[in-house]
N, C-alpha and C. Protein backbone atom coordinates (compact mmCIF):
# COMPACT_ATOMS: atom_id res chain seq x y z
N UNK A 1 55.77 42.90 -89.63
CA UNK A 1 55.53 42.00 -88.51
C UNK A 1 56.75 41.92 -87.59
N UNK A 2 57.93 41.83 -88.19
CA UNK A 2 59.14 41.73 -87.40
C UNK A 2 59.34 42.99 -86.56
N UNK A 3 59.03 44.16 -87.13
CA UNK A 3 59.15 45.41 -86.40
C UNK A 3 58.16 45.45 -85.24
N UNK A 4 56.94 44.95 -85.46
CA UNK A 4 55.94 44.92 -84.41
C UNK A 4 56.42 44.06 -83.24
N UNK A 5 57.05 42.94 -83.54
CA UNK A 5 57.58 42.08 -82.49
C UNK A 5 58.66 42.80 -81.69
N UNK A 6 59.50 43.56 -82.36
CA UNK A 6 60.55 44.29 -81.65
C UNK A 6 59.94 45.34 -80.73
N UNK A 7 58.91 46.02 -81.23
CA UNK A 7 58.24 47.02 -80.38
C UNK A 7 57.61 46.36 -79.16
N UNK A 8 56.93 45.25 -79.36
CA UNK A 8 56.30 44.55 -78.25
C UNK A 8 57.34 44.11 -77.22
N UNK A 9 58.45 43.64 -77.69
CA UNK A 9 59.51 43.22 -76.79
C UNK A 9 60.05 44.40 -75.99
N UNK A 10 60.23 45.53 -76.67
CA UNK A 10 60.76 46.72 -76.00
C UNK A 10 59.80 47.24 -74.95
N UNK A 11 58.52 47.14 -75.22
CA UNK A 11 57.51 47.65 -74.29
C UNK A 11 57.36 46.74 -73.08
N UNK A 12 57.49 45.45 -73.27
CA UNK A 12 57.15 44.49 -72.21
C UNK A 12 58.34 43.89 -71.48
N UNK A 13 59.53 44.02 -72.02
CA UNK A 13 60.69 43.42 -71.34
C UNK A 13 61.54 44.51 -70.70
N UNK A 14 61.70 44.43 -69.40
CA UNK A 14 62.49 45.42 -68.67
C UNK A 14 63.97 45.27 -69.01
N UNK A 15 64.59 46.38 -69.36
CA UNK A 15 66.02 46.39 -69.66
C UNK A 15 66.65 47.49 -68.81
N UNK A 16 67.22 47.12 -67.67
CA UNK A 16 67.76 48.11 -66.75
C UNK A 16 68.93 48.88 -67.35
N UNK A 17 69.58 48.31 -68.35
CA UNK A 17 70.70 49.01 -68.97
C UNK A 17 70.24 50.06 -69.97
N UNK A 18 68.94 50.04 -70.32
CA UNK A 18 68.41 50.99 -71.30
C UNK A 18 67.00 51.41 -70.87
N UNK A 19 66.89 52.26 -69.85
CA UNK A 19 65.58 52.61 -69.31
C UNK A 19 64.67 53.38 -70.28
N UNK A 20 65.23 53.94 -71.33
CA UNK A 20 64.41 54.69 -72.28
C UNK A 20 63.88 53.84 -73.43
N UNK A 21 64.14 52.55 -73.37
CA UNK A 21 63.79 51.66 -74.49
C UNK A 21 62.29 51.66 -74.78
N UNK A 22 61.48 51.57 -73.74
CA UNK A 22 60.02 51.51 -73.93
C UNK A 22 59.51 52.79 -74.58
N UNK A 23 59.94 53.94 -74.07
CA UNK A 23 59.44 55.20 -74.61
C UNK A 23 59.88 55.40 -76.06
N UNK A 24 61.08 54.97 -76.39
CA UNK A 24 61.52 55.07 -77.79
C UNK A 24 60.64 54.21 -78.69
N UNK A 25 60.32 53.02 -78.22
CA UNK A 25 59.46 52.14 -79.02
C UNK A 25 58.09 52.77 -79.23
N UNK A 26 57.52 53.35 -78.18
CA UNK A 26 56.22 54.00 -78.32
C UNK A 26 56.30 55.19 -79.27
N UNK A 27 57.37 55.97 -79.19
CA UNK A 27 57.55 57.10 -80.12
C UNK A 27 57.63 56.60 -81.56
N UNK A 28 58.35 55.51 -81.77
CA UNK A 28 58.48 54.96 -83.12
C UNK A 28 57.12 54.46 -83.63
N UNK A 29 56.35 53.82 -82.76
CA UNK A 29 55.03 53.33 -83.16
C UNK A 29 54.12 54.47 -83.58
N UNK A 30 54.15 55.56 -82.83
CA UNK A 30 53.30 56.70 -83.16
C UNK A 30 53.79 57.37 -84.45
N UNK A 31 55.10 57.46 -84.62
CA UNK A 31 55.65 58.08 -85.82
C UNK A 31 55.35 57.25 -87.07
N UNK A 32 55.20 55.93 -86.89
CA UNK A 32 54.93 55.04 -88.01
C UNK A 32 53.46 54.98 -88.37
N UNK A 33 52.64 55.80 -87.74
CA UNK A 33 51.17 55.84 -87.88
C UNK A 33 50.57 55.04 -86.74
N UNK A 34 50.45 55.72 -85.60
CA UNK A 34 49.98 55.07 -84.38
C UNK A 34 48.64 54.39 -84.54
N UNK A 35 47.73 54.97 -85.33
CA UNK A 35 46.41 54.38 -85.50
C UNK A 35 46.48 53.03 -86.21
N UNK A 36 47.30 52.98 -87.25
CA UNK A 36 47.45 51.72 -87.99
C UNK A 36 48.14 50.67 -87.14
N UNK A 37 49.16 51.09 -86.37
CA UNK A 37 49.85 50.15 -85.49
C UNK A 37 48.89 49.63 -84.42
N UNK A 38 48.05 50.51 -83.90
CA UNK A 38 47.05 50.11 -82.92
C UNK A 38 46.15 49.00 -83.47
N UNK A 39 45.71 49.18 -84.71
CA UNK A 39 44.84 48.17 -85.33
C UNK A 39 45.56 46.85 -85.49
N UNK A 40 46.83 46.89 -85.86
CA UNK A 40 47.60 45.65 -86.00
C UNK A 40 47.77 44.96 -84.65
N UNK A 41 48.01 45.77 -83.61
CA UNK A 41 48.11 45.20 -82.27
C UNK A 41 46.79 44.57 -81.83
N UNK A 42 45.71 45.26 -82.11
CA UNK A 42 44.40 44.77 -81.69
C UNK A 42 44.13 43.38 -82.27
N UNK A 43 44.56 43.15 -83.48
CA UNK A 43 44.40 41.83 -84.09
C UNK A 43 45.15 40.76 -83.30
N UNK A 44 46.23 41.15 -82.64
CA UNK A 44 47.04 40.21 -81.87
C UNK A 44 46.37 39.78 -80.56
N UNK A 45 45.28 40.42 -80.18
CA UNK A 45 44.57 40.00 -78.97
C UNK A 45 44.00 38.59 -79.11
N UNK A 46 43.96 38.09 -80.32
CA UNK A 46 43.48 36.73 -80.57
C UNK A 46 44.62 35.71 -80.56
N UNK A 47 45.82 36.10 -80.16
CA UNK A 47 46.96 35.18 -80.15
C UNK A 47 46.68 33.97 -79.27
N UNK A 48 47.24 32.83 -79.62
CA UNK A 48 47.02 31.61 -78.86
C UNK A 48 47.69 31.65 -77.48
N UNK A 49 48.81 32.34 -77.39
CA UNK A 49 49.60 32.36 -76.17
C UNK A 49 49.07 33.42 -75.20
N UNK A 50 48.65 33.05 -73.98
CA UNK A 50 48.16 34.05 -73.03
C UNK A 50 49.18 35.13 -72.71
N UNK A 51 50.45 34.77 -72.63
CA UNK A 51 51.49 35.76 -72.36
C UNK A 51 51.56 36.80 -73.48
N UNK A 52 51.38 36.34 -74.72
CA UNK A 52 51.38 37.27 -75.85
C UNK A 52 50.18 38.21 -75.78
N UNK A 53 49.02 37.69 -75.35
CA UNK A 53 47.84 38.54 -75.22
C UNK A 53 48.07 39.61 -74.16
N UNK A 54 48.71 39.22 -73.05
CA UNK A 54 49.03 40.20 -72.01
C UNK A 54 49.97 41.29 -72.54
N UNK A 55 50.96 40.88 -73.33
CA UNK A 55 51.90 41.85 -73.89
C UNK A 55 51.19 42.84 -74.80
N UNK A 56 50.24 42.36 -75.57
CA UNK A 56 49.49 43.25 -76.46
C UNK A 56 48.62 44.22 -75.66
N UNK A 57 47.99 43.73 -74.60
CA UNK A 57 47.17 44.61 -73.76
C UNK A 57 48.02 45.76 -73.24
N UNK A 58 49.21 45.45 -72.73
CA UNK A 58 50.10 46.51 -72.23
C UNK A 58 50.45 47.50 -73.33
N UNK A 59 50.78 47.00 -74.50
CA UNK A 59 51.14 47.89 -75.61
C UNK A 59 49.98 48.79 -76.01
N UNK A 60 48.78 48.24 -76.05
CA UNK A 60 47.61 49.03 -76.46
C UNK A 60 47.36 50.19 -75.51
N UNK A 61 47.40 49.92 -74.19
CA UNK A 61 47.08 51.00 -73.25
C UNK A 61 48.18 52.05 -73.23
N UNK A 62 49.42 51.66 -73.48
CA UNK A 62 50.49 52.64 -73.51
C UNK A 62 50.48 53.44 -74.80
N UNK A 63 50.08 52.83 -75.88
CA UNK A 63 50.05 53.52 -77.17
C UNK A 63 48.91 54.52 -77.25
N UNK A 64 47.72 54.13 -76.81
CA UNK A 64 46.55 55.01 -76.90
C UNK A 64 45.54 54.57 -75.83
N UNK A 65 45.70 55.10 -74.63
CA UNK A 65 44.91 54.62 -73.49
C UNK A 65 43.42 54.76 -73.72
N UNK A 66 42.99 55.88 -74.27
CA UNK A 66 41.55 56.08 -74.42
C UNK A 66 40.97 55.09 -75.43
N UNK A 67 41.63 54.90 -76.54
CA UNK A 67 41.14 53.98 -77.55
C UNK A 67 41.22 52.53 -77.06
N UNK A 68 42.13 52.26 -76.14
CA UNK A 68 42.36 50.89 -75.69
C UNK A 68 41.32 50.39 -74.70
N UNK A 69 40.57 51.29 -74.06
CA UNK A 69 39.68 50.86 -72.98
C UNK A 69 38.72 49.77 -73.43
N UNK A 70 38.06 49.97 -74.56
CA UNK A 70 37.04 49.00 -74.98
C UNK A 70 37.64 47.64 -75.36
N UNK A 71 38.70 47.57 -76.18
CA UNK A 71 39.25 46.25 -76.47
C UNK A 71 39.86 45.57 -75.25
N UNK A 72 40.44 46.34 -74.34
CA UNK A 72 41.01 45.73 -73.14
C UNK A 72 39.89 45.25 -72.22
N UNK A 73 38.82 46.02 -72.09
CA UNK A 73 37.68 45.57 -71.28
C UNK A 73 37.10 44.27 -71.84
N UNK A 74 37.12 44.12 -73.16
CA UNK A 74 36.62 42.88 -73.76
C UNK A 74 37.45 41.68 -73.35
N UNK A 75 38.73 41.91 -73.00
CA UNK A 75 39.60 40.81 -72.59
C UNK A 75 39.29 40.33 -71.17
N UNK A 76 38.38 40.99 -70.48
CA UNK A 76 37.97 40.53 -69.16
C UNK A 76 37.20 39.22 -69.23
N UNK A 77 36.79 38.84 -70.42
CA UNK A 77 36.13 37.54 -70.60
C UNK A 77 37.07 36.50 -71.20
N UNK A 78 38.36 36.78 -71.24
CA UNK A 78 39.33 35.84 -71.78
C UNK A 78 39.29 34.52 -70.98
N UNK A 79 39.52 33.38 -71.64
CA UNK A 79 39.50 32.10 -70.91
C UNK A 79 40.63 31.94 -69.91
N UNK A 80 41.70 32.71 -70.04
CA UNK A 80 42.85 32.56 -69.16
C UNK A 80 42.77 33.57 -68.01
N UNK A 81 42.87 33.08 -66.76
CA UNK A 81 42.75 33.95 -65.59
C UNK A 81 43.86 35.00 -65.54
N UNK A 82 45.06 34.65 -65.98
CA UNK A 82 46.15 35.62 -65.95
C UNK A 82 45.87 36.79 -66.88
N UNK A 83 45.30 36.51 -68.04
CA UNK A 83 44.95 37.58 -68.98
C UNK A 83 43.87 38.47 -68.38
N UNK A 84 42.87 37.87 -67.75
CA UNK A 84 41.81 38.67 -67.13
C UNK A 84 42.38 39.54 -66.01
N UNK A 85 43.25 38.95 -65.21
CA UNK A 85 43.90 39.69 -64.12
C UNK A 85 44.73 40.85 -64.68
N UNK A 86 45.47 40.59 -65.74
CA UNK A 86 46.31 41.64 -66.34
C UNK A 86 45.45 42.76 -66.93
N UNK A 87 44.36 42.40 -67.57
CA UNK A 87 43.46 43.42 -68.12
C UNK A 87 42.89 44.30 -67.00
N UNK A 88 42.52 43.68 -65.88
CA UNK A 88 42.03 44.47 -64.74
C UNK A 88 43.08 45.45 -64.26
N UNK A 89 44.32 45.00 -64.14
CA UNK A 89 45.39 45.88 -63.68
C UNK A 89 45.62 47.05 -64.62
N UNK A 90 45.58 46.79 -65.92
CA UNK A 90 45.76 47.87 -66.89
C UNK A 90 44.59 48.85 -66.85
N UNK A 91 43.39 48.34 -66.62
CA UNK A 91 42.23 49.24 -66.53
C UNK A 91 42.29 50.07 -65.26
N UNK A 92 42.90 49.56 -64.20
CA UNK A 92 43.12 50.39 -63.02
C UNK A 92 43.96 51.60 -63.38
N UNK A 93 45.02 51.37 -64.15
CA UNK A 93 45.96 52.45 -64.47
C UNK A 93 45.50 53.35 -65.60
N UNK A 94 44.73 52.79 -66.55
CA UNK A 94 44.42 53.55 -67.77
C UNK A 94 42.94 53.58 -68.12
N UNK A 95 42.10 52.95 -67.32
CA UNK A 95 40.68 52.84 -67.69
C UNK A 95 39.87 54.08 -67.38
N UNK A 96 38.64 54.06 -67.85
CA UNK A 96 37.69 55.12 -67.54
C UNK A 96 36.31 54.51 -67.35
N UNK A 97 35.29 55.35 -67.23
CA UNK A 97 33.95 54.88 -66.90
C UNK A 97 33.41 53.81 -67.85
N UNK A 98 33.89 53.77 -69.08
CA UNK A 98 33.38 52.78 -70.03
C UNK A 98 33.68 51.35 -69.57
N UNK A 99 34.71 51.18 -68.77
CA UNK A 99 35.09 49.84 -68.32
C UNK A 99 34.32 49.40 -67.08
N UNK A 100 33.58 50.30 -66.45
CA UNK A 100 32.94 49.98 -65.17
C UNK A 100 31.97 48.79 -65.27
N UNK A 101 31.04 48.74 -66.23
CA UNK A 101 30.11 47.60 -66.25
C UNK A 101 30.82 46.25 -66.38
N UNK A 102 31.82 46.16 -67.25
CA UNK A 102 32.53 44.89 -67.43
C UNK A 102 33.31 44.53 -66.17
N UNK A 103 33.93 45.51 -65.53
CA UNK A 103 34.68 45.23 -64.30
C UNK A 103 33.75 44.79 -63.17
N UNK A 104 32.58 45.39 -63.10
CA UNK A 104 31.61 44.98 -62.07
C UNK A 104 31.18 43.53 -62.29
N UNK A 105 30.97 43.15 -63.54
CA UNK A 105 30.61 41.77 -63.84
C UNK A 105 31.71 40.81 -63.41
N UNK A 106 32.95 41.15 -63.72
CA UNK A 106 34.08 40.30 -63.33
C UNK A 106 34.19 40.23 -61.81
N UNK A 107 34.04 41.37 -61.15
CA UNK A 107 34.15 41.39 -59.69
C UNK A 107 33.10 40.49 -59.03
N UNK A 108 31.92 40.43 -59.62
CA UNK A 108 30.85 39.61 -59.06
C UNK A 108 30.97 38.13 -59.44
N UNK A 109 31.38 37.86 -60.69
CA UNK A 109 31.16 36.52 -61.25
C UNK A 109 32.39 35.73 -61.62
N UNK A 110 33.58 36.33 -61.66
CA UNK A 110 34.75 35.58 -62.11
C UNK A 110 35.03 34.43 -61.14
N UNK A 111 35.43 33.26 -61.65
CA UNK A 111 35.69 32.12 -60.76
C UNK A 111 36.96 32.26 -59.92
N UNK A 112 37.84 33.19 -60.28
CA UNK A 112 39.13 33.32 -59.59
C UNK A 112 39.06 34.49 -58.60
N UNK A 113 39.28 34.25 -57.30
CA UNK A 113 39.18 35.35 -56.34
C UNK A 113 40.21 36.44 -56.55
N UNK A 114 41.38 36.10 -57.09
CA UNK A 114 42.38 37.13 -57.35
C UNK A 114 41.92 38.05 -58.48
N UNK A 115 41.28 37.50 -59.49
CA UNK A 115 40.74 38.32 -60.57
C UNK A 115 39.60 39.18 -60.05
N UNK A 116 38.72 38.60 -59.24
CA UNK A 116 37.62 39.40 -58.68
C UNK A 116 38.16 40.55 -57.84
N UNK A 117 39.17 40.27 -57.03
CA UNK A 117 39.74 41.32 -56.20
C UNK A 117 40.44 42.39 -57.02
N UNK A 118 41.10 41.99 -58.09
CA UNK A 118 41.79 42.97 -58.93
C UNK A 118 40.79 43.81 -59.71
N UNK A 119 39.64 43.23 -60.05
CA UNK A 119 38.59 44.02 -60.68
C UNK A 119 38.08 45.10 -59.73
N UNK A 120 37.93 44.73 -58.45
CA UNK A 120 37.53 45.73 -57.45
C UNK A 120 38.58 46.82 -57.34
N UNK A 121 39.84 46.42 -57.32
CA UNK A 121 40.96 47.37 -57.28
C UNK A 121 40.90 48.32 -58.48
N UNK A 122 40.60 47.79 -59.65
CA UNK A 122 40.51 48.61 -60.85
C UNK A 122 39.37 49.61 -60.74
N UNK A 123 38.25 49.18 -60.18
CA UNK A 123 37.12 50.10 -60.01
C UNK A 123 37.50 51.25 -59.08
N UNK A 124 38.31 50.97 -58.08
CA UNK A 124 38.80 52.05 -57.22
C UNK A 124 39.70 53.00 -57.98
N UNK A 125 40.52 52.47 -58.88
CA UNK A 125 41.39 53.33 -59.68
C UNK A 125 40.61 54.23 -60.61
N UNK A 126 39.55 53.70 -61.20
CA UNK A 126 38.71 54.51 -62.09
C UNK A 126 37.90 55.53 -61.28
N UNK A 127 37.49 55.11 -60.08
CA UNK A 127 36.85 56.00 -59.09
C UNK A 127 35.50 56.56 -59.54
N UNK A 128 34.74 55.78 -60.28
CA UNK A 128 33.41 56.21 -60.68
C UNK A 128 32.39 55.80 -59.62
N UNK A 129 31.54 56.72 -59.15
CA UNK A 129 30.48 56.34 -58.21
C UNK A 129 29.52 55.30 -58.77
N UNK A 130 29.50 55.12 -60.09
CA UNK A 130 28.62 54.12 -60.69
C UNK A 130 28.90 52.72 -60.15
N UNK A 131 30.12 52.48 -59.70
CA UNK A 131 30.50 51.14 -59.21
C UNK A 131 30.09 50.90 -57.77
N UNK A 132 29.64 51.92 -57.06
CA UNK A 132 29.41 51.79 -55.62
C UNK A 132 28.43 50.67 -55.25
N UNK A 133 27.26 50.54 -55.88
CA UNK A 133 26.35 49.46 -55.47
C UNK A 133 26.98 48.07 -55.57
N UNK A 134 27.71 47.81 -56.64
CA UNK A 134 28.35 46.50 -56.78
C UNK A 134 29.47 46.32 -55.77
N UNK A 135 30.23 47.38 -55.51
CA UNK A 135 31.30 47.29 -54.51
C UNK A 135 30.72 47.03 -53.12
N UNK A 136 29.61 47.67 -52.80
CA UNK A 136 28.98 47.44 -51.50
C UNK A 136 28.49 46.00 -51.38
N UNK A 137 27.96 45.46 -52.47
CA UNK A 137 27.48 44.07 -52.44
C UNK A 137 28.64 43.11 -52.20
N UNK A 138 29.76 43.33 -52.86
CA UNK A 138 30.92 42.46 -52.71
C UNK A 138 31.55 42.66 -51.33
N UNK A 139 31.55 43.88 -50.85
CA UNK A 139 32.11 44.17 -49.53
C UNK A 139 31.49 43.28 -48.46
N UNK A 140 30.21 43.03 -48.59
CA UNK A 140 29.54 42.25 -47.56
C UNK A 140 29.38 40.78 -47.84
N UNK A 141 29.95 40.29 -48.95
CA UNK A 141 29.62 38.91 -49.32
C UNK A 141 30.78 38.04 -49.78
N UNK A 142 31.85 38.60 -50.32
CA UNK A 142 32.88 37.77 -50.96
C UNK A 142 34.16 37.76 -50.14
N UNK A 143 34.25 36.79 -49.24
CA UNK A 143 35.41 36.70 -48.35
C UNK A 143 36.36 35.56 -48.72
N UNK A 144 36.27 35.07 -49.97
CA UNK A 144 37.19 34.02 -50.41
C UNK A 144 38.59 34.61 -50.58
N UNK A 145 39.58 33.95 -50.01
CA UNK A 145 40.95 34.47 -50.09
C UNK A 145 41.67 33.92 -51.32
N UNK A 146 42.48 34.79 -51.92
CA UNK A 146 43.32 34.33 -53.02
C UNK A 146 44.64 33.81 -52.44
N UNK A 147 45.55 33.43 -53.32
CA UNK A 147 46.80 32.81 -52.86
C UNK A 147 47.70 33.77 -52.09
N UNK A 148 47.43 35.07 -52.20
CA UNK A 148 48.23 36.06 -51.46
C UNK A 148 47.55 36.48 -50.16
N UNK A 149 46.40 35.89 -49.86
CA UNK A 149 45.72 36.21 -48.62
C UNK A 149 44.79 37.40 -48.68
N UNK A 150 44.44 37.84 -49.89
CA UNK A 150 43.52 38.96 -50.07
C UNK A 150 42.15 38.43 -50.50
N UNK A 151 41.12 39.16 -50.14
CA UNK A 151 39.76 38.79 -50.56
C UNK A 151 39.15 39.88 -51.41
N UNK A 152 38.21 39.54 -52.30
CA UNK A 152 37.49 40.58 -53.04
C UNK A 152 36.79 41.56 -52.11
N UNK A 153 36.32 41.10 -50.96
CA UNK A 153 35.67 41.98 -50.00
C UNK A 153 36.61 43.08 -49.52
N UNK A 154 37.84 42.71 -49.15
CA UNK A 154 38.79 43.72 -48.69
C UNK A 154 39.21 44.65 -49.82
N UNK A 155 39.32 44.10 -51.03
CA UNK A 155 39.64 44.96 -52.18
C UNK A 155 38.51 45.92 -52.48
N UNK A 156 37.26 45.48 -52.29
CA UNK A 156 36.12 46.37 -52.49
C UNK A 156 36.13 47.50 -51.47
N UNK A 157 36.50 47.19 -50.23
CA UNK A 157 36.59 48.24 -49.21
C UNK A 157 37.63 49.28 -49.59
N UNK A 158 38.79 48.83 -50.07
CA UNK A 158 39.83 49.76 -50.48
C UNK A 158 39.38 50.57 -51.69
N UNK A 159 38.64 49.94 -52.61
CA UNK A 159 38.13 50.67 -53.77
C UNK A 159 37.16 51.77 -53.34
N UNK A 160 36.30 51.46 -52.38
CA UNK A 160 35.39 52.49 -51.87
C UNK A 160 36.17 53.62 -51.22
N UNK A 161 37.24 53.29 -50.50
CA UNK A 161 38.14 54.31 -49.96
C UNK A 161 38.66 55.23 -51.07
N UNK A 162 39.07 54.61 -52.18
CA UNK A 162 39.61 55.38 -53.30
C UNK A 162 38.56 56.31 -53.89
N UNK A 163 37.35 55.81 -54.04
CA UNK A 163 36.28 56.62 -54.61
C UNK A 163 35.90 57.78 -53.68
N UNK A 164 35.87 57.49 -52.39
CA UNK A 164 35.48 58.51 -51.40
C UNK A 164 36.61 59.45 -51.03
N UNK A 165 37.85 59.01 -51.25
CA UNK A 165 38.98 59.80 -50.80
C UNK A 165 39.21 59.70 -49.31
N UNK A 166 38.82 58.57 -48.71
CA UNK A 166 39.00 58.35 -47.28
C UNK A 166 40.13 57.36 -47.05
N UNK A 167 40.41 57.05 -45.79
CA UNK A 167 41.52 56.16 -45.45
C UNK A 167 41.12 55.12 -44.42
N UNK A 168 39.90 54.62 -44.51
CA UNK A 168 39.45 53.66 -43.52
C UNK A 168 40.18 52.33 -43.58
N UNK A 169 40.63 51.93 -44.75
CA UNK A 169 41.18 50.58 -44.90
C UNK A 169 42.69 50.54 -45.00
N UNK A 170 43.33 51.67 -45.01
CA UNK A 170 44.77 51.70 -45.27
C UNK A 170 45.56 51.66 -43.97
N UNK A 171 46.68 51.02 -44.02
CA UNK A 171 47.60 51.03 -42.89
C UNK A 171 48.67 52.07 -43.20
N UNK A 172 48.57 53.19 -42.54
CA UNK A 172 49.53 54.27 -42.73
C UNK A 172 50.32 54.45 -41.44
N UNK A 173 51.46 55.09 -41.54
CA UNK A 173 52.30 55.29 -40.36
C UNK A 173 51.53 56.02 -39.26
N UNK A 174 50.70 56.95 -39.67
CA UNK A 174 49.98 57.76 -38.69
C UNK A 174 48.92 57.02 -37.93
N UNK A 175 48.40 55.92 -38.44
CA UNK A 175 47.34 55.22 -37.73
C UNK A 175 47.71 53.78 -37.38
N UNK A 176 48.96 53.45 -37.53
CA UNK A 176 49.38 52.07 -37.29
C UNK A 176 49.11 51.67 -35.83
N UNK A 177 49.42 52.52 -34.89
CA UNK A 177 49.21 52.20 -33.48
C UNK A 177 47.73 52.04 -33.18
N UNK A 178 46.90 52.85 -33.81
CA UNK A 178 45.46 52.72 -33.62
C UNK A 178 45.00 51.34 -34.05
N UNK A 179 45.50 50.85 -35.19
CA UNK A 179 45.11 49.53 -35.66
C UNK A 179 45.60 48.45 -34.69
N UNK A 180 46.83 48.60 -34.22
CA UNK A 180 47.38 47.61 -33.30
C UNK A 180 46.61 47.60 -31.98
N UNK A 181 46.03 48.73 -31.62
CA UNK A 181 45.27 48.80 -30.37
C UNK A 181 43.91 48.12 -30.51
N UNK A 182 43.57 47.64 -31.69
CA UNK A 182 42.35 46.87 -31.85
C UNK A 182 41.22 47.56 -32.58
N UNK A 183 41.44 48.75 -33.05
CA UNK A 183 40.38 49.45 -33.76
C UNK A 183 40.42 49.07 -35.23
N UNK A 184 39.41 48.38 -35.67
CA UNK A 184 39.31 47.95 -37.05
C UNK A 184 38.77 49.09 -37.92
N UNK A 185 38.95 49.00 -39.24
CA UNK A 185 38.35 50.01 -40.12
C UNK A 185 36.85 50.11 -39.89
N UNK A 186 36.34 51.30 -39.94
CA UNK A 186 34.91 51.53 -39.70
C UNK A 186 34.16 51.30 -41.02
N UNK A 187 33.83 50.04 -41.27
CA UNK A 187 33.17 49.70 -42.52
C UNK A 187 31.74 50.22 -42.58
N UNK A 188 31.11 50.37 -41.41
CA UNK A 188 29.76 50.94 -41.39
C UNK A 188 29.80 52.38 -41.89
N UNK A 189 30.80 53.12 -41.46
CA UNK A 189 30.96 54.50 -41.93
C UNK A 189 31.26 54.52 -43.43
N UNK A 190 32.10 53.60 -43.86
CA UNK A 190 32.45 53.52 -45.28
C UNK A 190 31.20 53.25 -46.12
N UNK A 191 30.38 52.30 -45.68
CA UNK A 191 29.13 52.00 -46.38
C UNK A 191 28.21 53.21 -46.43
N UNK A 192 28.07 53.87 -45.30
CA UNK A 192 27.16 55.02 -45.22
C UNK A 192 27.59 56.14 -46.14
N UNK A 193 28.87 56.45 -46.12
CA UNK A 193 29.37 57.54 -46.96
C UNK A 193 29.30 57.16 -48.44
N UNK A 194 29.56 55.90 -48.75
CA UNK A 194 29.48 55.46 -50.14
C UNK A 194 28.05 55.54 -50.66
N UNK A 195 27.10 55.10 -49.84
CA UNK A 195 25.69 55.19 -50.25
C UNK A 195 25.28 56.64 -50.47
N UNK A 196 25.71 57.52 -49.58
CA UNK A 196 25.36 58.94 -49.71
C UNK A 196 25.95 59.54 -50.99
N UNK A 197 27.20 59.18 -51.27
CA UNK A 197 27.83 59.68 -52.50
C UNK A 197 27.09 59.18 -53.73
N UNK A 198 26.73 57.90 -53.72
CA UNK A 198 26.03 57.35 -54.89
C UNK A 198 24.68 58.01 -55.08
N UNK A 199 23.98 58.29 -54.00
CA UNK A 199 22.69 58.96 -54.11
C UNK A 199 22.84 60.36 -54.70
N UNK A 200 23.86 61.09 -54.23
CA UNK A 200 24.10 62.44 -54.79
C UNK A 200 24.47 62.34 -56.27
N UNK A 201 25.32 61.38 -56.59
CA UNK A 201 25.78 61.22 -57.98
C UNK A 201 24.63 60.82 -58.90
N UNK A 202 23.86 59.83 -58.47
CA UNK A 202 22.76 59.37 -59.32
C UNK A 202 21.65 60.41 -59.41
N UNK A 203 21.43 61.16 -58.32
CA UNK A 203 20.43 62.23 -58.37
C UNK A 203 20.83 63.35 -59.31
N UNK A 204 22.12 63.62 -59.37
CA UNK A 204 22.59 64.67 -60.29
C UNK A 204 22.52 64.29 -61.73
N UNK A 205 22.39 63.00 -62.01
CA UNK A 205 22.32 62.52 -63.39
C UNK A 205 20.88 62.34 -63.87
N UNK A 206 19.92 62.50 -62.93
CA UNK A 206 18.52 62.28 -63.29
C UNK A 206 17.99 63.39 -64.18
């Protein structure tokens, strides 16, 4: 148990004087039987402290990203908004199609607009066309702003950009003057292209 705590600390606490600390901890965990360590970490997802649950989520995805998707997706129903937000962020970086249904549910139904927006962001990172119908629904309906001034609707637009490989919503150096001149992102085009992609994708799976 004491060794597990040291590994968790090494993975989650930034130490600028020792930038290799996290990777050494992960190497040690794998050398000590990564599968068994993963199981011990998974048990820690029930910890009382939300910060501890977030630390475990990070460790799980870094230790074995593919195996971590399902237990981390399950944390999207955690009672603490910070844990749900953190799980969404990790699924953006390490998730796959298995997390799409849970993320879509969070994007539609979570009470916290920042969590809903981060779920949309995660769906863009996973980039599965399966998420397109839910992203389109949120794009046109959820304009509640979080404390940073972002809305789930704008995050859904950026996620669709990620899935399509377009740049309608991004402010880049090359189009900054165009935006300042009053031309807003062409959301109608984004919707049209997203619908077309989803139709091709779903038709290919029939």
